[in-house]
């Protein structure tokens, strides 16, 4: 089965900022965070409608053990990953991405 999920062009920058933050603690922490993101993305790809719609048509999947969440839309049955946000970020400051 071919996967047809996609990533917003700014998604890697969001992830990079979060990784830089954790890398400030230790490389191991950053690597564990990266692994947690991979596991969560795989879960979303396998079950795109698993997480609830929180605003507009955007779903939010929190990362276990980390104060970050992945925002995504389901488009034609496949996830379109929009952003990685710190959970303390005010909702009005969440990126408005299509």
Protein backbone atom coordinates (compact mmCIF):
# COMPACT_ATOMS: atom_id res chain seq x y z
CA UNK A 1 0.00 0.00 0.00
CA UNK A 2 1.41 3.37 -0.99
CA UNK A 3 1.20 6.12 1.61
CA UNK A 4 -0.12 9.48 0.50
CA UNK A 5 0.37 11.67 3.55
CA UNK A 6 2.00 15.08 3.17
CA UNK A 7 3.79 17.73 5.20
CA UNK A 8 3.34 21.48 5.13
CA UNK A 9 6.59 23.13 3.92
CA UNK A 10 7.05 24.74 7.37
CA UNK A 11 6.62 21.47 9.31
CA UNK A 12 10.37 20.65 9.23
CA UNK A 13 11.17 24.12 10.62
CA UNK A 14 8.73 23.59 13.51
CA UNK A 15 10.28 20.22 14.24
CA UNK A 16 13.78 21.67 13.98
CA UNK A 17 12.98 24.37 16.53
CA UNK A 18 11.66 21.78 18.96
CA UNK A 19 14.70 19.57 18.41
CA UNK A 20 17.01 22.54 19.02
CA UNK A 21 15.19 23.19 22.29
CA UNK A 22 15.65 19.59 23.47
CA UNK A 23 19.20 19.43 22.15
CA UNK A 24 19.92 22.20 24.67
CA UNK A 25 19.28 19.62 27.37
CA UNK A 26 21.04 16.71 25.72
CA UNK A 27 21.40 14.93 22.42
CA UNK A 28 19.70 11.92 23.98
CA UNK A 29 16.64 13.98 24.89
CA UNK A 30 16.45 15.37 21.37
CA UNK A 31 16.75 11.87 19.91
CA UNK A 32 13.99 10.53 22.18
CA UNK A 33 11.77 13.44 21.14
CA UNK A 34 12.49 12.72 17.46
CA UNK A 35 11.55 9.08 18.01
CA UNK A 36 8.31 10.10 19.77
CA UNK A 37 7.40 12.30 16.78
CA UNK A 38 8.08 9.42 14.37
CA UNK A 39 5.94 7.02 16.38
CA UNK A 40 3.07 9.52 16.58
CA UNK A 41 3.28 10.30 12.85
CA UNK A 42 3.19 6.56 12.06
CA UNK A 43 0.12 6.17 14.30
CA UNK A 44 -1.61 9.05 12.52
CA UNK A 45 -0.72 7.70 9.07
CA UNK A 46 -2.14 4.31 10.05
CA UNK A 47 -5.25 5.82 11.72
CA UNK A 48 -5.80 9.36 10.36
CA UNK A 49 -9.11 9.93 12.16
CA UNK A 50 -7.92 8.65 15.55
CA UNK A 51 -7.52 12.13 17.05
CA UNK A 52 -10.33 14.65 17.48
CA UNK A 53 -10.91 17.77 15.45
CA UNK A 54 -10.05 20.68 17.73
CA UNK A 55 -10.48 23.72 15.50
CA UNK A 56 -11.69 24.22 11.95
CA UNK A 57 -10.91 20.80 10.43
CA UNK A 58 -7.57 20.44 12.24
CA UNK A 59 -6.86 17.50 14.50
CA UNK A 60 -4.32 17.61 17.33
CA UNK A 61 -2.23 14.68 18.52
CA UNK A 62 -0.28 15.31 21.71
CA UNK A 63 3.12 13.72 22.10
CA UNK A 64 3.33 11.51 25.19
CA UNK A 65 5.88 12.75 27.76
CA UNK A 66 6.54 15.98 25.84
CA UNK A 67 4.79 19.37 25.87
CA UNK A 68 4.26 19.32 22.09
CA UNK A 69 1.48 18.38 19.74
CA UNK A 70 1.16 17.63 16.05
CA UNK A 71 -1.53 19.50 14.12
CA UNK A 72 -2.87 17.90 10.97
CA UNK A 73 -5.83 17.66 8.62
CA UNK A 74 -7.28 14.59 6.96
CA UNK A 75 -7.54 15.23 3.22
CA UNK A 76 -9.00 12.51 1.02
CA UNK A 77 -8.42 9.99 3.81
CA UNK A 78 -4.75 10.86 4.32
CA UNK A 79 -3.08 13.11 6.90
CA UNK A 80 -1.63 16.45 5.87
CA UNK A 81 0.77 17.37 8.69
CA UNK A 82 0.65 21.11 9.38
CA UNK A 83 2.76 21.94 12.42
CA UNK A 84 4.47 20.89 15.63
CA UNK A 85 3.48 23.25 18.45
CA UNK A 86 4.45 23.64 22.08
CA UNK A 87 1.30 22.99 24.09
CA UNK A 88 1.72 26.17 26.12
CA UNK A 89 1.52 28.30 22.97
CA UNK A 90 -1.62 30.42 23.01
CA UNK A 91 -4.16 29.09 20.51
CA UNK A 92 -4.40 32.48 18.80
CA UNK A 93 -0.66 32.14 18.01
CA UNK A 94 -0.98 28.71 16.38
CA UNK A 95 0.04 28.84 12.74
CA UNK A 96 -2.86 29.20 10.33
CA UNK A 97 -1.78 26.79 7.65
CA UNK A 98 -3.64 25.26 4.76
